[in-house]
Amino acid sequence: MNSKRRLNIAINRISARDTFPIRKLMIGEGDLGFPKDRDEHSFHLGAFVDKKLVGIATFLFERHPKLPAEYQFQLRGNITLPEFRCLGVARTLLNTARPLIKRNFCDILWSIVPSEVSSFYEKMGFSVQAEANSADKVLVYINL
């Protein structure tokens, strides 16, 4: 993929099952579902380029105990196909999700991510905090 090319990215709601092919690429075999994937408050977004699903993100109504807000969403499975990374796919997914989360009266979006991707989240306005039980994962969160 040419990194200079501007992509026309379309974001749509998708089902949990629709996320499985991309989750499988990154997670491998086994259970591709997340707890609360099908919860009534959870939602999934897909990023499409030329009608091809190239990125996914799952948002679960879940509270992190270290964060003060009562109502929070957790971001899980924010995955972009390797050939579409660094082209704005993940940024577009997150920017689409923010008003949807805010409409649900939630004040915080958070995720546990590998420390090597924390700079992406910092650029998106997230705060980064060490995760007590993990040397290679960090807590990222943003007040909405």
C-alpha atoms as a PDB file:
ATOM      1  CA  MET A   1       0.000   0.000   0.000  1.00  0.00           C
ATOM      2  CA  ASN A   2       1.380   3.397  -0.965  1.00  0.00           C
ATOM      3  CA  SER A   3       1.645   5.488   2.206  1.00  0.00           C
ATOM      4  CA  LYS A   4       1.279   8.722   0.191  1.00  0.00           C
ATOM      5  CA  ARG A   5      -2.135   7.694  -1.153  1.00  0.00           C
ATOM      6  CA  ARG A   6      -5.130   9.179   0.624  1.00  0.00           C
ATOM      7  CA  LEU A   7      -7.634   6.484   1.486  1.00  0.00           C
ATOM      8  CA  ASN A   8     -11.370   6.791   1.260  1.00  0.00           C
ATOM      9  CA  ILE A   9     -12.277   5.065   4.543  1.00  0.00           C
ATOM     10  CA  ALA A  10     -15.920   4.215   5.258  1.00  0.00           C
ATOM     11  CA  ILE A  11     -16.848   3.305   8.845  1.00  0.00           C
ATOM     12  CA  ASN A  12     -19.877   1.110   9.505  1.00  0.00           C
ATOM     13  CA  ARG A  13     -21.323  -0.771  12.435  1.00  0.00           C
ATOM     14  CA  ILE A  14     -20.654  -4.486  12.074  1.00  0.00           C
ATOM     15  CA  SER A  15     -21.479  -7.587  14.096  1.00  0.00           C
ATOM     16  CA  ALA A  16     -19.111  -9.339  16.481  1.00  0.00           C
ATOM     17  CA  ARG A  17     -18.935 -12.219  14.007  1.00  0.00           C
ATOM     18  CA  ASP A  18     -17.841  -9.806  11.259  1.00  0.00           C
ATOM     19  CA  THR A  19     -14.736  -8.989  13.321  1.00  0.00           C
ATOM     20  CA  PHE A  20     -13.597 -12.618  13.499  1.00  0.00           C
ATOM     21  CA  PRO A  21     -11.626 -12.867  10.219  1.00  0.00           C
ATOM     22  CA  ILE A  22      -9.379  -9.948  11.186  1.00  0.00           C
ATOM     23  CA  ARG A  23      -9.200 -11.049  14.833  1.00  0.00           C
ATOM     24  CA  LYS A  24      -8.097 -14.486  13.610  1.00  0.00           C
ATOM     25  CA  LEU A  25      -5.212 -12.948  11.657  1.00  0.00           C
ATOM     26  CA  MET A  26      -3.894 -11.233  14.782  1.00  0.00           C
ATOM     27  CA  ILE A  27      -4.972 -13.571  17.577  1.00  0.00           C
ATOM     28  CA  GLY A  28      -4.693 -16.909  15.812  1.00  0.00           C
ATOM     29  CA  GLU A  29      -6.805 -19.982  16.423  1.00  0.00           C
ATOM     30  CA  GLY A  30      -9.137 -20.467  19.346  1.00  0.00           C
ATOM     31  CA  ASP A  31     -12.046 -18.484  20.699  1.00  0.00           C
ATOM     32  CA  LEU A  32     -12.248 -15.245  18.756  1.00  0.00           C
ATOM     33  CA  GLY A  33     -15.051 -13.817  20.872  1.00  0.00           C
ATOM     34  CA  PHE A  34     -14.552 -11.343  23.689  1.00  0.00           C
ATOM     35  CA  PRO A  35     -16.617 -11.394  26.876  1.00  0.00           C
ATOM     36  CA  LYS A  36     -19.534  -8.983  26.387  1.00  0.00           C
ATOM     37  CA  ASP A  37     -19.138  -9.027  22.567  1.00  0.00           C
ATOM     38  CA  ARG A  38     -22.873  -9.491  22.218  1.00  0.00           C
ATOM     39  CA  ASP A  39     -23.918  -7.378  25.196  1.00  0.00           C
ATOM     40  CA  GLU A  40     -26.696  -4.923  24.360  1.00  0.00           C
ATOM     41  CA  HIS A  41     -24.422  -1.906  25.022  1.00  0.00           C
ATOM     42  CA  SER A  42     -21.415  -3.221  23.091  1.00  0.00           C
ATOM     43  CA  PHE A  43     -20.799  -2.205  19.517  1.00  0.00           C
ATOM     44  CA  HIS A  44     -18.327  -2.994  16.753  1.00  0.00           C
ATOM     45  CA  LEU A  45     -17.071  -0.741  13.994  1.00  0.00           C
ATOM     46  CA  GLY A  46     -15.488  -1.776  10.726  1.00  0.00           C
ATOM     47  CA  ALA A  47     -13.304   0.321   8.454  1.00  0.00           C
ATOM     48  CA  PHE A  48     -13.797  -0.342   4.756  1.00  0.00           C
ATOM     49  CA  VAL A  49     -11.608   0.663   1.827  1.00  0.00           C
ATOM     50  CA  ASP A  50     -13.071  -0.144  -1.578  1.00  0.00           C
ATOM     51  CA  LYS A  51     -15.693  -2.290   0.219  1.00  0.00           C
ATOM     52  CA  LYS A  52     -12.954  -4.419   1.831  1.00  0.00           C
ATOM     53  CA  LEU A  53     -12.924  -4.697   5.635  1.00  0.00           C
ATOM     54  CA  VAL A  54      -9.439  -3.452   6.598  1.00  0.00           C
ATOM     55  CA  GLY A  55      -9.828  -2.503  10.267  1.00  0.00           C
ATOM     56  CA  ILE A  56     -12.014  -3.278  13.263  1.00  0.00           C
ATOM     57  CA  ALA A  57     -12.631  -2.003  16.762  1.00  0.00           C
ATOM     58  CA  THR A  58     -14.847  -3.365  19.523  1.00  0.00           C
ATOM     59  CA  PHE A  59     -16.297  -1.157  22.268  1.00  0.00           C
ATOM     60  CA  LEU A  60     -17.535  -2.845  25.432  1.00  0.00           C
ATOM     61  CA  PHE A  61     -19.490  -1.203  28.250  1.00  0.00           C
ATOM     62  CA  GLU A  62     -16.926  -2.030  30.926  1.00  0.00           C
ATOM     63  CA  ARG A  63     -15.482  -0.155  33.883  1.00  0.00           C
ATOM     64  CA  HIS A  64     -11.769  -0.100  34.707  1.00  0.00           C
ATOM     65  CA  PRO A  65     -11.279  -0.065  38.501  1.00  0.00           C
ATOM     66  CA  LYS A  66      -8.431   2.487  38.373  1.00  0.00           C
ATOM     67  CA  LEU A  67     -10.525   5.090  36.571  1.00  0.00           C
ATOM     68  CA  PRO A  68     -13.017   7.319  38.399  1.00  0.00           C
ATOM     69  CA  ALA A  69     -15.973   7.588  36.030  1.00  0.00           C
ATOM     70  CA  GLU A  70     -18.916   5.330  36.738  1.00  0.00           C
ATOM     71  CA  TYR A  71     -19.762   4.759  33.063  1.00  0.00           C
ATOM     72  CA  GLN A  72     -16.935   3.737  30.772  1.00  0.00           C
ATOM     73  CA  PHE A  73     -16.281   1.902  27.533  1.00  0.00           C
ATOM     74  CA  GLN A  74     -13.370  -0.428  26.914  1.00  0.00           C
ATOM     75  CA  LEU A  75     -11.749  -0.578  23.497  1.00  0.00           C
ATOM     76  CA  ARG A  76     -10.738  -4.113  22.485  1.00  0.00           C
ATOM     77  CA  GLY A  77      -9.503  -5.577  19.254  1.00  0.00           C
ATOM     78  CA  ASN A  78      -8.477  -2.323  17.592  1.00  0.00           C
ATOM     79  CA  ILE A  79      -6.858  -4.075  14.648  1.00  0.00           C
ATOM     80  CA  THR A  80      -5.873  -2.829  11.205  1.00  0.00           C
ATOM     81  CA  LEU A  81      -4.621  -5.139   8.473  1.00  0.00           C
ATOM     82  CA  PRO A  82      -0.831  -4.740   8.158  1.00  0.00           C
ATOM     83  CA  GLU A  83      -0.934  -3.326   4.626  1.00  0.00           C
ATOM     84  CA  PHE A  84      -3.308  -0.541   5.790  1.00  0.00           C
ATOM     85  CA  ARG A  85      -1.483   0.526   8.961  1.00  0.00           C
ATOM     86  CA  CYS A  86      -0.291   4.122   9.375  1.00  0.00           C
ATOM     87  CA  LEU A  87      -2.869   5.294   6.842  1.00  0.00           C
ATOM     88  CA  GLY A  88      -5.485   6.674   9.252  1.00  0.00           C
ATOM     89  CA  VAL A  89      -7.696   3.599   9.627  1.00  0.00           C
ATOM     90  CA  ALA A  90      -7.426   3.247  13.436  1.00  0.00           C
ATOM     91  CA  ARG A  91      -7.662   7.021  13.915  1.00  0.00           C
ATOM     92  CA  THR A  92     -10.863   7.112  11.822  1.00  0.00           C
ATOM     93  CA  LEU A  93     -12.362   4.213  13.807  1.00  0.00           C
ATOM     94  CA  LEU A  94     -11.674   5.975  17.133  1.00  0.00           C
ATOM     95  CA  ASN A  95     -12.911   9.353  15.923  1.00  0.00           C
ATOM     96  CA  THR A  96     -16.150   7.725  14.751  1.00  0.00           C
ATOM     97  CA  ALA A  97     -16.628   5.934  18.077  1.00  0.00           C
ATOM     98  CA  ARG A  98     -16.153   8.952  20.369  1.00  0.00           C
ATOM     99  CA  PRO A  99     -19.544  10.613  19.786  1.00  0.00           C
ATOM    100  CA  LEU A 100     -21.303   7.224  19.921  1.00  0.00           C
ATOM    101  CA  ILE A 101     -19.773   6.548  23.325  1.00  0.00           C
ATOM    102  CA  LYS A 102     -20.553  10.053  24.568  1.00  0.00           C
ATOM    103  CA  ARG A 103     -24.199   9.606  23.502  1.00  0.00           C
ATOM    104  CA  ASN A 104     -24.332   6.666  25.897  1.00  0.00           C
ATOM    105  CA  PHE A 105     -23.456   9.046  28.753  1.00  0.00           C
ATOM    106  CA  CYS A 106     -19.995   7.550  29.173  1.00  0.00           C
ATOM    107  CA  ASP A 107     -17.112   9.752  30.171  1.00  0.00           C
ATOM    108  CA  ILE A 108     -14.083   7.537  29.589  1.00  0.00           C
ATOM    109  CA  LEU A 109     -12.793   5.272  26.830  1.00  0.00           C
ATOM    110  CA  TRP A 110      -9.956   2.993  27.905  1.00  0.00           C
ATOM    111  CA  SER A 111      -7.890   0.058  26.723  1.00  0.00           C
ATOM    112  CA  ILE A 112      -4.985  -2.155  27.748  1.00  0.00           C
ATOM    113  CA  VAL A 113      -2.502  -2.092  24.860  1.00  0.00           C
ATOM    114  CA  PRO A 114       1.046  -3.240  24.116  1.00  0.00           C
ATOM    115  CA  SER A 115       3.448  -0.535  25.273  1.00  0.00           C
ATOM    116  CA  GLU A 116       4.954  -0.234  21.778  1.00  0.00           C
ATOM    117  CA  VAL A 117       1.686   1.230  20.427  1.00  0.00           C
ATOM    118  CA  SER A 118       1.104   3.671  23.295  1.00  0.00           C
ATOM    119  CA  SER A 119       2.516   6.588  21.276  1.00  0.00           C
ATOM    120  CA  PHE A 120      -0.356   6.218  18.776  1.00  0.00           C
ATOM    121  CA  TYR A 121      -2.871   6.628  21.595  1.00  0.00           C
ATOM    122  CA  GLU A 122      -0.955   9.579  23.069  1.00  0.00           C
ATOM    123  CA  LYS A 123      -1.197  11.326  19.681  1.00  0.00           C
ATOM    124  CA  MET A 124      -4.956  10.693  19.820  1.00  0.00           C
ATOM    125  CA  GLY A 125      -5.169  12.487  23.195  1.00  0.00           C
ATOM    126  CA  PHE A 126      -5.121   9.435  25.482  1.00  0.00           C
ATOM    127  CA  SER A 127      -3.271   9.369  28.788  1.00  0.00           C
ATOM    128  CA  VAL A 128      -0.907   6.459  29.358  1.00  0.00           C
ATOM    129  CA  GLN A 129      -0.404   4.678  32.667  1.00  0.00           C
ATOM    130  CA  ALA A 130       1.695   1.630  33.516  1.00  0.00           C
ATOM    131  CA  GLU A 131      -0.313  -1.549  34.065  1.00  0.00           C
ATOM    132  CA  ALA A 132       0.660  -3.020  37.437  1.00  0.00           C
ATOM    133  CA  ASN A 133       0.613  -6.678  36.430  1.00  0.00           C
ATOM    134  CA  SER A 134       2.366  -6.356  33.075  1.00  0.00           C
ATOM    135  CA  ALA A 135       5.753  -5.142  31.920  1.00  0.00           C
ATOM    136  CA  ASP A 136       4.761  -4.923  28.263  1.00  0.00           C
ATOM    137  CA  LYS A 137       1.176  -3.563  28.492  1.00  0.00           C
ATOM    138  CA  VAL A 138      -0.122  -0.134  29.451  1.00  0.00           C
ATOM    139  CA  LEU A 139      -3.482   1.390  30.298  1.00  0.00           C
ATOM    140  CA  VAL A 140      -4.547   4.116  27.875  1.00  0.00           C
ATOM    141  CA  TYR A 141      -7.620   6.231  28.511  1.00  0.00           C
ATOM    142  CA  ILE A 142      -9.285   9.421  27.418  1.00  0.00           C
ATOM    143  CA  ASN A 143     -11.926  11.590  29.038  1.00  0.00           C
ATOM    144  CA  LEU A 144     -14.647  12.286  26.513  1.00  0.00           C
END
